[in-house]
Amino acid sequence: MVLKVYVSGMSGNKEVKKRQQRVLMILDSKNIKYDTVDITEPGKESEKELMQNKSTSSGGTVSDPEPRHPLPPQLFNDDEYCGDYDAFDMANEIDTLEVFLKLATADTTAVSTAQIELKQENGEAKKEEAEAEAEEKKPDEEKPEGGEGDAKDEAAEKAENEDGDGEDKKKAEGEGEDAAENADEKQQKKQATITTAVKTSNSSDSQSDLFLESERAAAAQ
C-alpha cells in the first residue's frame, strides 16, 4: 500500500500552497513514506480526475470555501481515499494520523476517520470539553456540605474550649478562696503570738517591780 499526496504545483491559492507544505513537512517529520502526485504536471490528467472523483471532502479554504472541484492537498492510500487537509490536521492533533492514513489498524480506543469527520461537522470536540469542565466544577459545588461540617466542628471545639475555660475559672476561684483562708489563719496565729508576748512582758515587769519594792523595804529596816 502506497500513501499518495495529491498536490498542485501551480496553484495560485496561497492557502493551498501552505497546506501542501505543512502536510509534507509533518509526514517527513514522522518518517512516513509517501508519493507526491502533482496534478498540474503533463500526463497526470487521469490522476487529477481520480482525485476529483473520489475525494469526498472539498478541501475548501477561506478564500474559496465552496470550490467547484476538491482542492489539494488530498490524501489517498493507493486508490482508497483518506481525507483532505482539515481531516489530516485533526488526526495529527489527536495522534491518530497512522489510522487516518490507513497505515495501522484502528483498535477499540482509536478514533476512526468517520469519527474525526463527525467531530468536525458536529462540534463534538467542543461538547466534550464542556462536559469535562462541568465534571471539574462538581467538586466545587459539593463544597458547601463540607463547609457546614467544618462549621459544626468549629462550634463544637469552641464549646469545649468555653467549658474548659469555665472549669479553669472555677478552679482559680477555689484556689483564691483557699489562699484567703490560709492568710486569715496566718494572721490569727500571728496576732495570738503577739498577745502572748505582751502578756509575758507585762508579767516580767510586775515581778521586777515586786523585787525592787522588797529590796527597798529591807534597806529601810
Protein backbone atom coordinates (compact mmCIF):
# COMPACT_ATOMS: atom_id res chain seq x y z
CA MET A 1 0.00 0.00 0.00
CA VAL A 2 1.37 3.37 -1.07
CA LEU A 3 0.41 6.66 0.51
CA LYS A 4 -0.25 9.35 -2.09
CA VAL A 5 -0.45 13.09 -1.52
CA TYR A 6 -2.15 14.95 -4.35
CA VAL A 7 -0.85 18.50 -4.72
CA SER A 8 -0.94 21.37 -7.18
CA GLY A 9 2.46 22.79 -8.12
CA MET A 10 0.88 25.71 -9.98
CA SER A 11 -1.90 26.75 -7.61
CA GLY A 12 -2.46 30.47 -7.26
CA ASN A 13 -4.14 29.97 -3.87
CA LYS A 14 -1.63 30.82 -1.13
CA GLU A 15 -3.58 28.86 1.47
CA VAL A 16 -3.47 25.74 -0.68
CA LYS A 17 0.30 26.11 -1.01
CA LYS A 18 0.74 26.48 2.76
CA ARG A 19 -1.44 23.45 3.42
CA GLN A 20 0.52 21.32 0.97
CA GLN A 21 3.82 22.33 2.58
CA ARG A 22 2.51 21.57 6.06
CA VAL A 23 1.24 18.11 5.11
CA LEU A 24 4.56 17.13 3.54
CA MET A 25 6.53 18.58 6.47
CA ILE A 26 4.50 16.57 9.02
CA LEU A 27 4.86 13.35 7.04
CA ASP A 28 8.62 13.90 6.76
CA SER A 29 8.94 14.62 10.48
CA LYS A 30 7.16 11.34 11.30
CA ASN A 31 9.24 9.38 8.73
CA ILE A 32 6.10 8.30 6.86
CA LYS A 33 6.86 7.32 3.27
CA TYR A 34 4.64 8.79 0.57
CA ASP A 35 4.45 9.64 -3.11
CA THR A 36 3.69 13.17 -4.23
CA VAL A 37 1.34 13.44 -7.21
CA ASP A 38 1.29 16.86 -8.89
CA ILE A 39 -1.99 17.02 -10.78
CA THR A 40 -0.78 20.03 -12.83
CA GLU A 41 2.05 18.14 -14.50
CA PRO A 42 1.57 16.94 -18.11
CA GLY A 43 0.30 13.36 -18.35
CA LYS A 44 -1.33 13.48 -14.91
CA GLU A 45 -4.84 14.07 -16.21
CA SER A 46 -6.03 10.63 -15.09
CA GLU A 47 -4.59 11.19 -11.60
CA LYS A 48 -6.31 14.57 -11.43
CA GLU A 49 -9.61 13.03 -12.48
CA LEU A 50 -9.25 10.23 -9.90
CA MET A 51 -8.59 12.78 -7.13
CA GLN A 52 -11.57 14.92 -8.08
CA ASN A 53 -13.96 11.97 -8.43
CA LYS A 54 -13.00 10.08 -5.25
CA SER A 55 -12.42 12.97 -2.88
CA THR A 56 -15.49 13.30 -0.68
CA SER A 57 -14.15 16.41 1.10
CA SER A 58 -13.83 19.61 -0.88
CA GLY A 59 -10.78 20.99 0.91
CA GLY A 60 -12.36 24.45 0.90
CA THR A 61 -10.29 27.43 2.02
CA VAL A 62 -11.14 30.85 3.43
CA SER A 63 -10.79 32.44 0.00
CA ASP A 64 -12.62 29.56 -1.70
CA PRO A 65 -14.95 27.91 0.86
CA GLU A 66 -17.02 26.05 -1.74
CA PRO A 67 -14.70 25.10 -4.60
CA ARG A 68 -16.07 23.72 -7.83
CA HIS A 69 -13.73 20.71 -7.54
CA PRO A 70 -11.94 19.30 -4.49
CA LEU A 71 -8.78 21.28 -3.75
CA PRO A 72 -5.42 19.73 -2.92
CA PRO A 73 -3.88 18.54 -0.78
CA GLN A 74 -5.92 15.33 -0.83
CA LEU A 75 -4.58 12.09 0.65
CA PHE A 76 -5.06 8.53 -0.62
CA ASN A 77 -3.74 5.14 0.37
CA ASP A 78 -3.40 3.55 -3.07
CA ASP A 79 -6.84 4.22 -4.53
CA GLU A 80 -8.58 4.42 -1.12
CA TYR A 81 -9.49 7.94 -0.04
CA CYS A 82 -8.20 9.12 3.35
CA GLY A 83 -9.25 12.76 3.58
CA ASP A 84 -8.44 16.40 2.92
CA TYR A 85 -6.19 18.83 4.81
CA ASP A 86 -8.65 19.55 7.64
CA ALA A 87 -9.14 15.84 8.41
CA PHE A 88 -5.37 15.29 8.20
CA ASP A 89 -4.69 18.15 10.60
CA MET A 90 -7.28 16.90 13.09
CA ALA A 91 -5.83 13.36 13.03
CA ASN A 92 -2.37 14.79 13.64
CA GLU A 93 -3.63 16.83 16.60
CA ILE A 94 -5.29 13.84 18.32
CA ASP A 95 -2.40 11.49 17.49
CA THR A 96 -4.30 9.12 15.18
CA LEU A 97 -2.51 10.03 11.99
CA GLU A 98 -1.47 6.48 11.04
CA VAL A 99 -5.04 5.26 11.47
CA PHE A 100 -6.30 8.17 9.36
CA LEU A 101 -3.80 7.32 6.63
CA LYS A 102 -4.85 3.65 6.85
CA LEU A 103 -1.30 2.63 7.73
CA ALA A 104 -2.35 0.99 11.01
CA THR A 105 -5.40 -0.96 12.14
CA ALA A 106 -7.61 1.02 14.46
CA ASP A 107 -8.23 -0.56 17.87
CA THR A 108 -11.26 -0.03 20.09
CA THR A 109 -9.74 3.08 21.66
CA ALA A 110 -8.60 4.72 18.43
CA VAL A 111 -10.65 7.40 16.77
CA SER A 112 -11.68 6.36 13.26
CA THR A 113 -11.74 8.59 10.22
CA ALA A 114 -15.53 8.69 10.35
CA GLN A 115 -15.45 9.86 13.96
CA ILE A 116 -12.93 12.56 13.09
CA GLU A 117 -15.19 13.85 10.33
CA LEU A 118 -18.21 13.76 12.63
CA LYS A 119 -16.32 15.77 15.25
CA GLN A 120 -15.52 18.37 12.61
CA GLU A 121 -19.11 18.60 11.41
CA ASN A 122 -20.99 18.40 14.71
CA GLY A 123 -18.51 20.08 17.02
CA GLU A 124 -18.35 17.12 19.38
CA ALA A 125 -14.87 18.12 20.43
CA LYS A 126 -16.21 21.33 21.96
CA LYS A 127 -19.04 19.41 23.61
CA GLU A 128 -16.59 17.01 25.23
CA GLU A 129 -14.53 19.93 26.52
CA ALA A 130 -17.66 21.48 28.06
CA GLU A 131 -18.55 18.16 29.74
CA ALA A 132 -15.01 17.85 31.10
CA GLU A 133 -15.22 21.38 32.54
CA ALA A 134 -18.58 20.51 34.13
CA GLU A 135 -17.05 17.42 35.75
CA GLU A 136 -14.21 19.54 37.12
CA LYS A 137 -16.70 22.01 38.64
CA LYS A 138 -18.68 19.30 40.50
CA PRO A 139 -16.28 19.06 43.46
CA ASP A 140 -16.57 22.83 43.90
CA GLU A 141 -20.38 22.56 44.08
CA GLU A 142 -20.14 19.95 46.81
CA LYS A 143 -18.01 22.19 48.99
CA PRO A 144 -20.95 23.73 50.99
CA GLU A 145 -21.62 20.35 52.68
CA GLY A 146 -18.03 20.16 53.77
CA GLY A 147 -18.25 23.79 54.86
CA GLU A 148 -21.25 23.04 57.10
CA GLY A 149 -19.39 20.11 58.63
CA ASP A 150 -16.39 22.30 59.29
CA ALA A 151 -18.62 24.95 60.89
CA LYS A 152 -20.17 22.33 63.19
CA ASP A 153 -16.75 21.04 64.15
CA GLU A 154 -15.57 24.57 64.89
CA ALA A 155 -18.68 25.25 67.03
CA ALA A 156 -18.16 22.03 69.00
CA GLU A 157 -14.49 22.84 69.52
CA LYS A 158 -15.41 26.36 70.65
CA ALA A 159 -17.96 24.96 73.13
CA GLU A 160 -15.35 22.57 74.53
CA ASN A 161 -12.90 25.43 74.91
CA GLU A 162 -15.53 27.51 76.72
CA ASP A 163 -16.25 24.59 79.10
CA GLY A 164 -12.55 24.22 79.74
CA ASP A 165 -12.25 27.95 80.42
CA GLY A 166 -15.17 27.75 82.88
CA GLU A 167 -13.56 24.88 84.76
CA ASP A 168 -10.25 26.73 84.89
CA LYS A 169 -12.04 29.82 86.19
CA LYS A 170 -13.79 27.84 88.93
CA LYS A 171 -10.53 26.20 89.89
CA ALA A 172 -8.83 29.57 90.09
CA GLU A 173 -11.64 30.94 92.27
CA GLY A 174 -11.35 27.92 94.59
CA GLU A 175 -7.62 28.39 94.86
CA GLY A 176 -8.18 32.09 95.65
CA GLU A 177 -10.60 31.23 98.45
CA ASP A 178 -8.15 28.71 99.91
CA ALA A 179 -5.38 31.28 99.80
CA ALA A 180 -7.59 33.84 101.59
CA GLU A 181 -8.45 31.31 104.33
CA ASN A 182 -4.77 30.45 104.79
CA ALA A 183 -3.93 34.14 105.03
CA ASP A 184 -6.61 34.63 107.72
CA GLU A 185 -5.29 31.67 109.70
CA LYS A 186 -1.73 33.01 109.49
CA GLN A 187 -2.93 36.46 110.62
CA GLN A 188 -4.79 34.95 113.58
CA LYS A 189 -1.74 32.89 114.63
CA LYS A 190 0.46 35.97 114.34
CA GLN A 191 -1.96 38.01 116.47
CA ALA A 192 -2.07 35.26 119.14
CA THR A 193 1.76 35.18 119.25
CA ILE A 194 1.91 38.93 119.73
CA THR A 195 -0.70 38.80 122.52
CA THR A 196 1.20 36.05 124.33
CA ALA A 197 4.43 38.05 124.10
CA VAL A 198 2.78 41.13 125.52
CA LYS A 199 1.34 39.17 128.44
CA THR A 200 4.71 37.62 129.13
CA SER A 201 6.35 41.03 129.04
CA ASN A 202 3.78 42.51 131.45
CA SER A 203 4.27 39.61 133.85
CA SER A 204 8.03 40.13 133.83
CA ASP A 205 7.60 43.83 134.55
CA SER A 206 5.34 43.09 137.55
CA GLN A 207 7.85 40.68 139.03
CA SER A 208 10.63 43.25 138.64
CA ASP A 209 8.56 45.86 140.46
CA LEU A 210 7.87 43.48 143.35
CA PHE A 211 11.57 42.67 143.69
CA LEU A 212 12.53 46.34 143.79
CA GLU A 213 9.93 47.07 146.47
CA SER A 214 11.20 44.19 148.67
CA GLU A 215 14.77 45.48 148.38
CA ARG A 216 13.70 48.98 149.32
CA ALA A 217 11.84 47.67 152.42
CA ALA A 218 14.88 45.73 153.54
CA ALA A 219 17.14 48.74 153.20
CA ALA A 220 14.74 50.89 155.26
CA GLN A 221 14.93 48.45 158.18
